Amino acid sequence: MAVSSPSSASVLSPSTRTPAAPAKRRRRKVDWRAVGAFTVLTAPVVIGLGVFKYVAIAWSFLLSFNDARGTISLGNWIGFDNYTFLLSDPAFRDSLLIIALFTVFIVPVTFVASLGLAVLVNSIRRGKAFFRTVFLIPGAVSYVVAALVWKMALFNGLPSGVANVIGGLFGADPVAWLSETSPPVYWVAVVTLRLWLQVGLYMILFLAGLQAISPSLYEAGELDGTSKWQAFRYITLPQLRNTSVAVLLLILIAAFQAFDEFYNLFGTGLSGTATAPVKPPLVYLYDSALGDQNYGVGSAGAFLLTVIIVAITLLQGKFVGFGKKD
């Protein structure tokens, strides 16, 4: 009986078969009307951002290498003389020391106060929305307005000032809060102003992190007989790690950018901070650029301060493991 041989197509291995021709991709038709509308709507923002931000930053960087006194035009190149002047200026170095001490104090105090308030608000059963709103309201207040209230009402140095009235209840004499340098009680006004403005905002961030923690973790801890302190240490803090790192970075950057409270508490005009007991770097640079009209030194100082902030932020991020997986 004859056996029919298999066809040539059936003996071909899958690897030797001719692949099917890929289907043609349909080209998506461009809606030029939508592109035109998008361009018209976004062009003013893009142009404004480029001209008033990036072009201004680049121009300021070039000015830092110029002797730009009373002018913002380029041409009088002096190299790194402005940077050398700043690094050798005792006033600028003192301003860096002032902001460093301010940061060392205000960062942990703000962090602890924000976390403590968040834990307290999260622990109450009723009225959470009310307390969230009350503590968040200061974050919506302008630094300038708050500084003027602190200067003219709370710490004005008059016997009728709020701080002196409260001190008088305990038998204390009136204090010139913003001008007294021995002891430097002006720090009380600066620190309380910064805390009042920022603690509520960071409390909201911590509160969001607390509400994301699963209640089952605390229930398991109660079954194991953990105390409230142990639950906070071994459950709450580890679960708030990412939130804590982000808040620390935000507080640190905001501390080095301190300007409004110092300028408005101690300033009396465009260059009225000359008699201020303390000058952070931004106030020093503001006086140099707009008070002395030395835009070259002001620009150089701005970039020096930017480098310092970026370097410290990166070091802190590396130390606390910002961006790393758990």
C-alpha atoms as a PDB file:
ATOM      1  CA  MET A   1       0.000   0.000   0.000  1.00  0.00           C
ATOM      2  CA  ALA A   2       1.510   3.264  -1.059  1.00  0.00           C
ATOM      3  CA  VAL A   3       1.945   5.895   1.592  1.00  0.00           C
ATOM      4  CA  SER A   4       1.641   9.469   0.488  1.00  0.00           C
ATOM      5  CA  SER A   5       4.647  11.629   1.378  1.00  0.00           C
ATOM      6  CA  PRO A   6       4.042  14.713   3.503  1.00  0.00           C
ATOM      7  CA  SER A   7       3.858  17.981   1.705  1.00  0.00           C
ATOM      8  CA  SER A   8       6.831  20.301   1.718  1.00  0.00           C
ATOM      9  CA  ALA A   9       4.884  22.845   3.789  1.00  0.00           C
ATOM     10  CA  SER A  10       4.254  20.308   6.564  1.00  0.00           C
ATOM     11  CA  VAL A  11       7.914  19.357   6.975  1.00  0.00           C
ATOM     12  CA  LEU A  12       9.115  22.896   7.355  1.00  0.00           C
ATOM     13  CA  SER A  13      10.042  23.738  10.941  1.00  0.00           C
ATOM     14  CA  PRO A  14       8.346  26.727  12.563  1.00  0.00           C
ATOM     15  CA  SER A  15      11.643  28.601  12.440  1.00  0.00           C
ATOM     16  CA  THR A  16      11.906  28.259   8.682  1.00  0.00           C
ATOM     17  CA  ARG A  17       8.394  29.345   7.860  1.00  0.00           C
ATOM     18  CA  THR A  18       7.983  32.764   6.296  1.00  0.00           C
ATOM     19  CA  PRO A  19       6.554  35.179   8.881  1.00  0.00           C
ATOM     20  CA  ALA A  20       3.340  36.866   8.041  1.00  0.00           C
ATOM     21  CA  ALA A  21       3.648  40.419   6.833  1.00  0.00           C
ATOM     22  CA  PRO A  22       2.887  42.881   9.660  1.00  0.00           C
ATOM     23  CA  ALA A  23      -0.283  44.816   9.291  1.00  0.00           C
ATOM     24  CA  LYS A  24       0.126  48.409   8.302  1.00  0.00           C
ATOM     25  CA  ARG A  25      -0.160  50.814  11.176  1.00  0.00           C
ATOM     26  CA  ARG A  26      -2.723  53.436  10.700  1.00  0.00           C
ATOM     27  CA  ARG A  27      -1.266  56.870  10.903  1.00  0.00           C
ATOM     28  CA  ARG A  28      -3.095  58.940  13.428  1.00  0.00           C
ATOM     29  CA  LYS A  29      -4.432  62.066  11.879  1.00  0.00           C
ATOM     30  CA  VAL A  30      -3.171  65.173  13.615  1.00  0.00           C
ATOM     31  CA  ASP A  31      -5.857  67.534  14.788  1.00  0.00           C
ATOM     32  CA  TRP A  32      -4.154  70.802  13.937  1.00  0.00           C
ATOM     33  CA  ARG A  33      -6.985  72.825  15.408  1.00  0.00           C
ATOM     34  CA  ALA A  34      -6.370  71.254  18.829  1.00  0.00           C
ATOM     35  CA  VAL A  35      -2.626  71.839  18.441  1.00  0.00           C
ATOM     36  CA  GLY A  36      -3.236  75.465  17.550  1.00  0.00           C
ATOM     37  CA  ALA A  37      -5.594  75.988  20.476  1.00  0.00           C
ATOM     38  CA  PHE A  38      -3.112  74.371  22.866  1.00  0.00           C
ATOM     39  CA  THR A  39      -0.310  76.567  21.546  1.00  0.00           C
ATOM     40  CA  VAL A  40      -2.352  79.751  21.861  1.00  0.00           C
ATOM     41  CA  LEU A  41      -3.393  78.935  25.417  1.00  0.00           C
ATOM     42  CA  THR A  42       0.022  77.871  26.712  1.00  0.00           C
ATOM     43  CA  ALA A  43       2.271  80.264  24.766  1.00  0.00           C
ATOM     44  CA  PRO A  44       1.824  83.243  27.128  1.00  0.00           C
ATOM     45  CA  VAL A  45       2.686  81.098  30.153  1.00  0.00           C
ATOM     46  CA  VAL A  46       5.690  79.474  28.477  1.00  0.00           C
ATOM     47  CA  ILE A  47       7.025  82.778  27.151  1.00  0.00           C
ATOM     48  CA  GLY A  48       6.479  84.546  30.464  1.00  0.00           C
ATOM     49  CA  LEU A  49       8.130  81.729  32.394  1.00  0.00           C
ATOM     50  CA  GLY A  50      11.084  81.696  30.044  1.00  0.00           C
ATOM     51  CA  VAL A  51      11.626  85.455  29.982  1.00  0.00           C
ATOM     52  CA  PHE A  52      10.947  86.326  33.603  1.00  0.00           C
ATOM     53  CA  LYS A  53      12.470  83.234  35.188  1.00  0.00           C
ATOM     54  CA  TYR A  54      15.019  81.338  33.126  1.00  0.00           C
ATOM     55  CA  VAL A  55      16.335  84.290  31.150  1.00  0.00           C
ATOM     56  CA  ALA A  56      16.476  86.295  34.391  1.00  0.00           C
ATOM     57  CA  ILE A  57      18.410  83.497  36.128  1.00  0.00           C
ATOM     58  CA  ALA A  58      20.883  83.274  33.259  1.00  0.00           C
ATOM     59  CA  TRP A  59      21.311  87.066  33.193  1.00  0.00           C
ATOM     60  CA  SER A  60      21.838  87.121  36.953  1.00  0.00           C
ATOM     61  CA  PHE A  61      24.500  84.426  36.624  1.00  0.00           C
ATOM     62  CA  LEU A  62      26.349  86.551  34.050  1.00  0.00           C
ATOM     63  CA  LEU A  63      25.969  89.620  36.271  1.00  0.00           C
ATOM     64  CA  SER A  64      27.765  87.778  39.072  1.00  0.00           C
ATOM     65  CA  PHE A  65      30.943  87.974  36.967  1.00  0.00           C
ATOM     66  CA  ASN A  66      30.523  91.720  36.320  1.00  0.00           C
ATOM     67  CA  ASP A  67      31.182  94.897  38.245  1.00  0.00           C
ATOM     68  CA  ALA A  68      27.496  95.808  38.032  1.00  0.00           C
ATOM     69  CA  ARG A  69      27.122  98.802  40.324  1.00  0.00           C
ATOM     70  CA  GLY A  70      24.056 100.840  39.529  1.00  0.00           C
ATOM     71  CA  THR A  71      23.458  98.923  36.295  1.00  0.00           C
ATOM     72  CA  ILE A  72      22.361  95.496  35.106  1.00  0.00           C
ATOM     73  CA  SER A  73      24.190  95.706  31.783  1.00  0.00           C
ATOM     74  CA  LEU A  74      27.034  93.333  30.974  1.00  0.00           C
ATOM     75  CA  GLY A  75      30.497  94.194  29.771  1.00  0.00           C
ATOM     76  CA  ASN A  76      32.603  95.091  32.792  1.00  0.00           C
ATOM     77  CA  TRP A  77      33.856  91.562  33.450  1.00  0.00           C
ATOM     78  CA  ILE A  78      35.782  90.978  36.683  1.00  0.00           C
ATOM     79  CA  GLY A  79      35.744  87.189  36.889  1.00  0.00           C
ATOM     80  CA  PHE A  80      35.278  85.692  40.348  1.00  0.00           C
ATOM     81  CA  ASP A  81      35.976  88.936  42.233  1.00  0.00           C
ATOM     82  CA  ASN A  82      32.392  89.191  43.508  1.00  0.00           C
ATOM     83  CA  TYR A  83      32.545  85.650  44.872  1.00  0.00           C
ATOM     84  CA  THR A  84      35.921  86.312  46.456  1.00  0.00           C
ATOM     85  CA  PHE A  85      34.603  89.491  48.055  1.00  0.00           C
ATOM     86  CA  LEU A  86      31.628  87.692  49.572  1.00  0.00           C
ATOM     87  CA  LEU A  87      33.669  84.822  50.964  1.00  0.00           C
ATOM     88  CA  SER A  88      36.089  87.288  52.551  1.00  0.00           C
ATOM     89  CA  ASP A  89      33.398  89.652  53.860  1.00  0.00           C
ATOM     90  CA  PRO A  90      32.866  89.156  57.626  1.00  0.00           C
ATOM     91  CA  ALA A  91      29.263  90.392  57.342  1.00  0.00           C
ATOM     92  CA  PHE A  92      28.375  87.717  54.788  1.00  0.00           C
ATOM     93  CA  ARG A  93      30.086  85.007  56.820  1.00  0.00           C
ATOM     94  CA  ASP A  94      28.203  86.183  59.904  1.00  0.00           C
ATOM     95  CA  SER A  95      24.938  85.956  57.980  1.00  0.00           C
ATOM     96  CA  LEU A  96      25.744  82.340  57.061  1.00  0.00           C
ATOM     97  CA  LEU A  97      26.463  81.575  60.711  1.00  0.00           C
ATOM     98  CA  ILE A  98      23.194  83.219  61.769  1.00  0.00           C
ATOM     99  CA  ILE A  99      21.109  81.219  59.324  1.00  0.00           C
ATOM    100  CA  ALA A 100      22.951  78.015  60.278  1.00  0.00           C
ATOM    101  CA  LEU A 101      22.150  78.519  63.971  1.00  0.00           C
ATOM    102  CA  PHE A 102      18.583  79.462  63.105  1.00  0.00           C
ATOM    103  CA  THR A 103      18.237  76.288  61.018  1.00  0.00           C
ATOM    104  CA  VAL A 104      19.733  74.041  63.693  1.00  0.00           C
ATOM    105  CA  PHE A 105      17.123  75.298  66.149  1.00  0.00           C
ATOM    106  CA  ILE A 106      14.022  75.822  64.020  1.00  0.00           C
ATOM    107  CA  VAL A 107      14.128  72.550  62.052  1.00  0.00           C
ATOM    108  CA  PRO A 108      13.830  70.095  64.986  1.00  0.00           C
ATOM    109  CA  VAL A 109      11.434  72.352  66.920  1.00  0.00           C
ATOM    110  CA  THR A 110       9.094  72.709  63.917  1.00  0.00           C
ATOM    111  CA  PHE A 111       9.320  68.981  63.194  1.00  0.00           C
ATOM    112  CA  VAL A 112       8.504  67.916  66.765  1.00  0.00           C
ATOM    113  CA  ALA A 113       5.716  70.487  67.179  1.00  0.00           C
ATOM    114  CA  SER A 114       4.086  69.513  63.866  1.00  0.00           C
ATOM    115  CA  LEU A 115       4.273  65.799  64.609  1.00  0.00           C
ATOM    116  CA  GLY A 116       2.992  66.255  68.152  1.00  0.00           C
ATOM    117  CA  LEU A 117      -0.005  68.303  67.015  1.00  0.00           C
ATOM    118  CA  ALA A 118      -0.780  65.784  64.270  1.00  0.00           C
ATOM    119  CA  VAL A 119      -0.784  62.905  66.772  1.00  0.00           C
ATOM    120  CA  LEU A 120      -3.031  64.833  69.162  1.00  0.00           C
ATOM    121  CA  VAL A 121      -5.521  65.839  66.459  1.00  0.00           C
ATOM    122  CA  ASN A 122      -5.558  62.319  65.035  1.00  0.00           C
ATOM    123  CA  SER A 123      -6.297  60.836  68.455  1.00  0.00           C
ATOM    124  CA  ILE A 124      -9.495  62.800  69.065  1.00  0.00           C
ATOM    125  CA  ARG A 125     -12.763  61.326  67.900  1.00  0.00           C
ATOM    126  CA  ARG A 126     -14.754  64.493  67.272  1.00  0.00           C
ATOM    127  CA  GLY A 127     -13.805  67.857  65.883  1.00  0.00           C
ATOM    128  CA  LYS A 128     -10.893  66.782  63.659  1.00  0.00           C
ATOM    129  CA  ALA A 129     -12.071  69.021  60.812  1.00  0.00           C
ATOM    130  CA  PHE A 130     -12.317  71.999  63.184  1.00  0.00           C
ATOM    131  CA  PHE A 131      -8.784  71.576  64.546  1.00  0.00           C
ATOM    132  CA  ARG A 132      -7.347  70.945  61.075  1.00  0.00           C
ATOM    133  CA  THR A 133      -8.841  74.213  59.899  1.00  0.00           C
ATOM    134  CA  VAL A 134      -7.722  76.165  62.971  1.00  0.00           C
ATOM    135  CA  PHE A 135      -4.106  75.029  62.713  1.00  0.00           C
ATOM    136  CA  LEU A 136      -3.975  75.385  58.923  1.00  0.00           C
ATOM    137  CA  ILE A 137      -5.270  78.972  58.795  1.00  0.00           C
ATOM    138  CA  PRO A 138      -1.873  80.527  59.755  1.00  0.00           C
ATOM    139  CA  GLY A 139      -0.310  78.774  56.753  1.00  0.00           C
ATOM    140  CA  ALA A 140      -2.531  80.887  54.488  1.00  0.00           C
ATOM    141  CA  VAL A 141      -1.430  84.171  56.083  1.00  0.00           C
ATOM    142  CA  SER A 142       1.186  86.259  54.319  1.00  0.00           C
ATOM    143  CA  TYR A 143       4.593  86.405  55.995  1.00  0.00           C
ATOM    144  CA  VAL A 144       4.580  90.171  55.608  1.00  0.00           C
ATOM    145  CA  VAL A 145       1.196  90.581  57.301  1.00  0.00           C
ATOM    146  CA  ALA A 146       2.125  88.210  60.131  1.00  0.00           C
ATOM    147  CA  ALA A 147       5.466  89.968  60.659  1.00  0.00           C
ATOM    148  CA  LEU A 148       3.741  93.351  60.903  1.00  0.00           C
ATOM    149  CA  VAL A 149       1.270  91.980  63.461  1.00  0.00           C
ATOM    150  CA  TRP A 150       4.165  90.588  65.518  1.00  0.00           C
ATOM    151  CA  LYS A 151       6.067  93.877  65.219  1.00  0.00           C
ATOM    152  CA  MET A 152       3.263  96.350  65.853  1.00  0.00           C
ATOM    153  CA  ALA A 153       1.046  94.482  68.301  1.00  0.00           C
ATOM    154  CA  LEU A 154       2.684  91.506  69.999  1.00  0.00           C
ATOM    155  CA  PHE A 155       6.348  92.532  70.392  1.00  0.00           C
ATOM    156  CA  ASN A 156       6.284  96.295  69.870  1.00  0.00           C
ATOM    157  CA  GLY A 157       8.251  96.956  73.077  1.00  0.00           C
ATOM    158  CA  LEU A 158       5.572  99.249  74.537  1.00  0.00           C
ATOM    159  CA  PRO A 159       4.009  98.564  77.918  1.00  0.00           C
ATOM    160  CA  SER A 160       0.711  98.063  76.072  1.00  0.00           C
ATOM    161  CA  GLY A 161       2.186  95.398  73.788  1.00  0.00           C
ATOM    162  CA  VAL A 162       0.697  91.942  74.160  1.00  0.00           C
ATOM    163  CA  ALA A 163       3.988  90.302  75.160  1.00  0.00           C
ATOM    164  CA  ASN A 164       4.734  92.962  77.774  1.00  0.00           C
ATOM    165  CA  VAL A 165       1.179  92.843  79.134  1.00  0.00           C
ATOM    166  CA  ILE A 166       1.484  89.083  79.618  1.00  0.00           C
ATOM    167  CA  GLY A 167       4.914  89.541  81.185  1.00  0.00           C
ATOM    168  CA  GLY A 168       3.514  92.206  83.504  1.00  0.00           C
ATOM    169  CA  LEU A 169       1.039  89.690  84.898  1.00  0.00           C
ATOM    170  CA  PHE A 170       4.050  87.797  86.247  1.00  0.00           C
ATOM    171  CA  GLY A 171       5.802  90.903  87.535  1.00  0.00           C
ATOM    172  CA  ALA A 172       8.225  91.360  84.596  1.00  0.00           C
ATOM    173  CA  ASP A 173       9.278  94.797  83.368  1.00  0.00           C
ATOM    174  CA  PRO A 174       8.530  95.907  79.772  1.00  0.00           C
ATOM    175  CA  VAL A 175      11.087  94.630  77.260  1.00  0.00           C
ATOM    176  CA  ALA A 176      12.159  96.167  73.939  1.00  0.00           C
ATOM    177  CA  TRP A 177      11.803  92.836  72.171  1.00  0.00           C
ATOM    178  CA  LEU A 178      13.117  93.763  68.726  1.00  0.00           C
ATOM    179  CA  SER A 179      16.034  95.962  69.779  1.00  0.00           C
ATOM    180  CA  GLU A 180      17.283  94.351  72.970  1.00  0.00           C
ATOM    181  CA  THR A 181      20.535  92.525  72.229  1.00  0.00           C
ATOM    182  CA  SER A 182      21.703  91.592  75.720  1.00  0.00           C
ATOM    183  CA  PRO A 183      20.143  89.088  76.060  1.00  0.00           C
ATOM    184  CA  PRO A 184      19.033  88.659  72.413  1.00  0.00           C
ATOM    185  CA  VAL A 185      15.311  88.426  73.146  1.00  0.00           C
ATOM    186  CA  TYR A 186      14.471  89.347  69.543  1.00  0.00           C
ATOM    187  CA  TRP A 187      14.863  85.657  68.727  1.00  0.00           C
ATOM    188  CA  VAL A 188      11.635  85.042  70.642  1.00  0.00           C
ATOM    189  CA  ALA A 189       9.719  87.126  68.103  1.00  0.00           C
ATOM    190  CA  VAL A 190      11.466  85.539  65.112  1.00  0.00           C
ATOM    191  CA  VAL A 191      11.031  81.941  66.279  1.00  0.00           C
ATOM    192  CA  THR A 192       7.416  82.278  67.425  1.00  0.00           C
ATOM    193  CA  LEU A 193       6.481  83.937  64.132  1.00  0.00           C
ATOM    194  CA  ARG A 194       8.068  81.140  62.079  1.00  0.00           C
ATOM    195  CA  LEU A 195       6.448  78.433  64.219  1.00  0.00           C
ATOM    196  CA  TRP A 196       3.002  80.037  64.033  1.00  0.00           C
ATOM    197  CA  LEU A 197       3.192  80.245  60.258  1.00  0.00           C
ATOM    198  CA  GLN A 198       4.584  76.789  59.492  1.00  0.00           C
ATOM    199  CA  VAL A 199       3.612  74.277  62.168  1.00  0.00           C
ATOM    200  CA  GLY A 200       0.010  73.972  60.955  1.00  0.00           C
ATOM    201  CA  LEU A 201       1.020  73.255  57.364  1.00  0.00           C
ATOM    202  CA  TYR A 202       3.413  70.454  58.295  1.00  0.00           C
ATOM    203  CA  MET A 203       0.876  69.146  60.803  1.00  0.00           C
ATOM    204  CA  ILE A 204      -1.509  68.554  57.892  1.00  0.00           C
ATOM    205  CA  LEU A 205       1.163  66.543  56.078  1.00  0.00           C
ATOM    206  CA  PHE A 206       1.793  64.401  59.149  1.00  0.00           C
ATOM    207  CA  LEU A 207      -1.934  64.005  59.685  1.00  0.00           C
ATOM    208  CA  ALA A 208      -2.331  62.652  56.163  1.00  0.00           C
ATOM    209  CA  GLY A 209       0.437  60.158  56.848  1.00  0.00           C
ATOM    210  CA  LEU A 210      -1.149  59.093  60.143  1.00  0.00           C
ATOM    211  CA  GLN A 211      -4.519  58.482  58.526  1.00  0.00           C
ATOM    212  CA  ALA A 212      -2.848  56.227  55.939  1.00  0.00           C
ATOM    213  CA  ILE A 213      -1.596  53.829  58.635  1.00  0.00           C
ATOM    214  CA  SER A 214      -3.698  50.676  58.852  1.00  0.00           C
ATOM    215  CA  PRO A 215      -5.635  50.412  62.157  1.00  0.00           C
ATOM    216  CA  SER A 216      -4.918  46.683  62.159  1.00  0.00           C
ATOM    217  CA  LEU A 217      -1.314  47.413  63.125  1.00  0.00           C
ATOM    218  CA  TYR A 218      -2.429  49.137  66.313  1.00  0.00           C
ATOM    219  CA  GLU A 219      -4.968  46.387  67.032  1.00  0.00           C
ATOM    220  CA  ALA A 220      -2.211  43.797  66.743  1.00  0.00           C
ATOM    221  CA  GLY A 221      -0.064  45.876  69.066  1.00  0.00           C
ATOM    222  CA  GLU A 222      -2.847  46.035  71.669  1.00  0.00           C
ATOM    223  CA  LEU A 223      -3.160  42.257  71.572  1.00  0.00           C
ATOM    224  CA  ASP A 224       0.571  42.026  72.265  1.00  0.00           C
ATOM    225  CA  GLY A 225       0.200  44.383  75.232  1.00  0.00           C
ATOM    226  CA  THR A 226       2.140  47.351  73.793  1.00  0.00           C
ATOM    227  CA  SER A 227       1.815  50.698  75.527  1.00  0.00           C
ATOM    228  CA  LYS A 228       0.953  53.950  73.742  1.00  0.00           C
ATOM    229  CA  TRP A 229       4.599  54.993  73.714  1.00  0.00           C
ATOM    230  CA  GLN A 230       5.678  51.633  72.271  1.00  0.00           C
ATOM    231  CA  ALA A 231       2.964  51.852  69.617  1.00  0.00           C
ATOM    232  CA  PHE A 232       4.170  55.333  68.691  1.00  0.00           C
ATOM    233  CA  ARG A 233       7.816  54.268  68.581  1.00  0.00           C
ATOM    234  CA  TYR A 234       7.494  50.929  66.805  1.00  0.00           C
ATOM    235  CA  ILE A 235       4.399  51.497  64.628  1.00  0.00           C
ATOM    236  CA  THR A 236       3.733  55.195  64.061  1.00  0.00           C
ATOM    237  CA  LEU A 237       7.275  56.458  63.492  1.00  0.00           C
ATOM    238  CA  PRO A 238       8.337  53.685  61.055  1.00  0.00           C
ATOM    239  CA  GLN A 239       5.114  54.112  59.076  1.00  0.00           C
ATOM    240  CA  LEU A 240       5.713  57.878  58.886  1.00  0.00           C
ATOM    241  CA  ARG A 241       9.251  57.506  57.580  1.00  0.00           C
ATOM    242  CA  ASN A 242       8.612  58.835  54.058  1.00  0.00           C
ATOM    243  CA  THR A 243       6.450  61.688  55.342  1.00  0.00           C
ATOM    244  CA  SER A 244       9.054  62.595  57.962  1.00  0.00           C
ATOM    245  CA  VAL A 245      11.864  62.727  55.392  1.00  0.00           C
ATOM    246  CA  ALA A 246       9.819  64.970  53.087  1.00  0.00           C
ATOM    247  CA  VAL A 247       8.855  67.310  55.943  1.00  0.00           C
ATOM    248  CA  LEU A 248      12.471  67.555  57.121  1.00  0.00           C
ATOM    249  CA  LEU A 249      13.632  68.542  53.655  1.00  0.00           C
ATOM    250  CA  LEU A 250      10.885  71.156  53.306  1.00  0.00           C
ATOM    251  CA  ILE A 251      11.623  72.675  56.727  1.00  0.00           C
ATOM    252  CA  LEU A 252      15.356  72.786  56.001  1.00  0.00           C
ATOM    253  CA  ILE A 253      14.951  74.538  52.656  1.00  0.00           C
ATOM    254  CA  ALA A 254      12.437  77.005  54.120  1.00  0.00           C
ATOM    255  CA  ALA A 255      14.808  77.817  56.995  1.00  0.00           C
ATOM    256  CA  PHE A 256      17.671  78.750  54.656  1.00  0.00           C
ATOM    257  CA  GLN A 257      15.276  80.874  52.600  1.00  0.00           C
ATOM    258  CA  ALA A 258      14.237  82.966  55.612  1.00  0.00           C
ATOM    259  CA  PHE A 259      13.765  86.575  54.587  1.00  0.00           C
ATOM    260  CA  ASP A 260      10.294  88.036  55.167  1.00  0.00           C
ATOM    261  CA  GLU A 261      10.180  87.742  58.930  1.00  0.00           C
ATOM    262  CA  PHE A 262      13.683  89.169  59.420  1.00  0.00           C
ATOM    263  CA  TYR A 263      13.242  92.015  56.970  1.00  0.00           C
ATOM    264  CA  ASN A 264       9.776  93.056  58.117  1.00  0.00           C
ATOM    265  CA  LEU A 265      10.463  92.683  61.840  1.00  0.00           C
ATOM    266  CA  PHE A 266      13.655  94.739  61.782  1.00  0.00           C
ATOM    267  CA  GLY A 267      13.376  96.766  58.567  1.00  0.00           C
ATOM    268  CA  THR A 268      12.069 100.302  58.188  1.00  0.00           C
ATOM    269  CA  GLY A 269      12.356 100.819  54.432  1.00  0.00           C
ATOM    270  CA  LEU A 270      14.182  99.827  51.274  1.00  0.00           C
ATOM    271  CA  SER A 271      17.518  99.634  53.067  1.00  0.00           C
ATOM    272  CA  GLY A 272      16.244 100.007  56.608  1.00  0.00           C
ATOM    273  CA  THR A 273      17.708  96.708  57.785  1.00  0.00           C
ATOM    274  CA  ALA A 274      21.144  98.293  58.186  1.00  0.00           C
ATOM    275  CA  THR A 275      20.604  98.587  61.956  1.00  0.00           C
ATOM    276  CA  ALA A 276      19.020  95.144  62.359  1.00  0.00           C
ATOM    277  CA  PRO A 277      20.625  93.022  65.102  1.00  0.00           C
ATOM    278  CA  VAL A 278      20.692  89.967  62.816  1.00  0.00           C
ATOM    279  CA  LYS A 279      20.880  89.617  59.047  1.00  0.00           C
ATOM    280  CA  PRO A 280      20.379  86.273  57.328  1.00  0.00           C
ATOM    281  CA  PRO A 281      21.973  85.863  53.874  1.00  0.00           C
ATOM    282  CA  LEU A 282      18.902  86.886  51.889  1.00  0.00           C
ATOM    283  CA  VAL A 283      18.550  90.148  53.830  1.00  0.00           C
ATOM    284  CA  TYR A 284      22.273  90.831  53.347  1.00  0.00           C
ATOM    285  CA  LEU A 285      21.962  90.221  49.597  1.00  0.00           C
ATOM    286  CA  TYR A 286      18.803  92.305  49.383  1.00  0.00           C
ATOM    287  CA  ASP A 287      20.600  95.238  50.974  1.00  0.00           C
ATOM    288  CA  SER A 288      23.591  94.754  48.677  1.00  0.00           C
ATOM    289  CA  ALA A 289      21.555  94.584  45.486  1.00  0.00           C
ATOM    290  CA  LEU A 290      18.729  97.064  46.138  1.00  0.00           C
ATOM    291  CA  GLY A 291      20.249  99.151  48.918  1.00  0.00           C
ATOM    292  CA  ASP A 292      23.816  99.595  47.644  1.00  0.00           C
ATOM    293  CA  GLN A 293      22.811  98.996  43.985  1.00  0.00           C
ATOM    294  CA  ASN A 294      25.588  96.405  43.671  1.00  0.00           C
ATOM    295  CA  TYR A 295      23.837  93.850  41.485  1.00  0.00           C
ATOM    296  CA  GLY A 296      27.011  91.892  40.801  1.00  0.00           C
ATOM    297  CA  VAL A 297      27.588  91.084  44.470  1.00  0.00           C
ATOM    298  CA  GLY A 298      23.888  90.386  44.982  1.00  0.00           C
ATOM    299  CA  SER A 299      23.817  87.942  42.066  1.00  0.00           C
ATOM    300  CA  ALA A 300      26.999  86.200  43.191  1.00  0.00           C
ATOM    301  CA  GLY A 301      25.619  85.806  46.707  1.00  0.00           C
ATOM    302  CA  ALA A 302      22.370  84.370  45.381  1.00  0.00           C
ATOM    303  CA  PHE A 303      24.210  81.634  43.511  1.00  0.00           C
ATOM    304  CA  LEU A 304      26.497  80.938  46.467  1.00  0.00           C
ATOM    305  CA  LEU A 305      23.458  80.513  48.702  1.00  0.00           C
ATOM    306  CA  THR A 306      21.800  78.278  46.099  1.00  0.00           C
ATOM    307  CA  VAL A 307      24.843  76.010  46.007  1.00  0.00           C
ATOM    308  CA  ILE A 308      24.869  75.818  49.822  1.00  0.00           C
ATOM    309  CA  ILE A 309      21.159  74.955  50.001  1.00  0.00           C
ATOM    310  CA  VAL A 310      21.440  72.285  47.296  1.00  0.00           C
ATOM    311  CA  ALA A 311      24.540  70.747  48.906  1.00  0.00           C
ATOM    312  CA  ILE A 312      22.976  70.587  52.388  1.00  0.00           C
ATOM    313  CA  THR A 313      19.719  69.235  50.973  1.00  0.00           C
ATOM    314  CA  LEU A 314      21.550  66.475  49.101  1.00  0.00           C
ATOM    315  CA  LEU A 315      23.570  65.589  52.183  1.00  0.00           C
ATOM    316  CA  GLN A 316      20.448  65.406  54.313  1.00  0.00           C
ATOM    317  CA  GLY A 317      18.663  63.370  51.645  1.00  0.00           C
ATOM    318  CA  LYS A 318      21.557  60.918  51.538  1.00  0.00           C
ATOM    319  CA  PHE A 319      21.724  60.718  55.329  1.00  0.00           C
ATOM    320  CA  VAL A 320      18.025  59.954  55.796  1.00  0.00           C
ATOM    321  CA  GLY A 321      17.770  57.804  52.669  1.00  0.00           C
ATOM    322  CA  PHE A 322      15.473  60.051  50.672  1.00  0.00           C
ATOM    323  CA  GLY A 323      14.375  58.326  47.455  1.00  0.00           C
ATOM    324  CA  LYS A 324      15.545  54.849  48.502  1.00  0.00           C
ATOM    325  CA  LYS A 325      13.243  51.874  48.720  1.00  0.00           C
ATOM    326  CA  ASP A 326      12.235  50.636  52.157  1.00  0.00           C
END
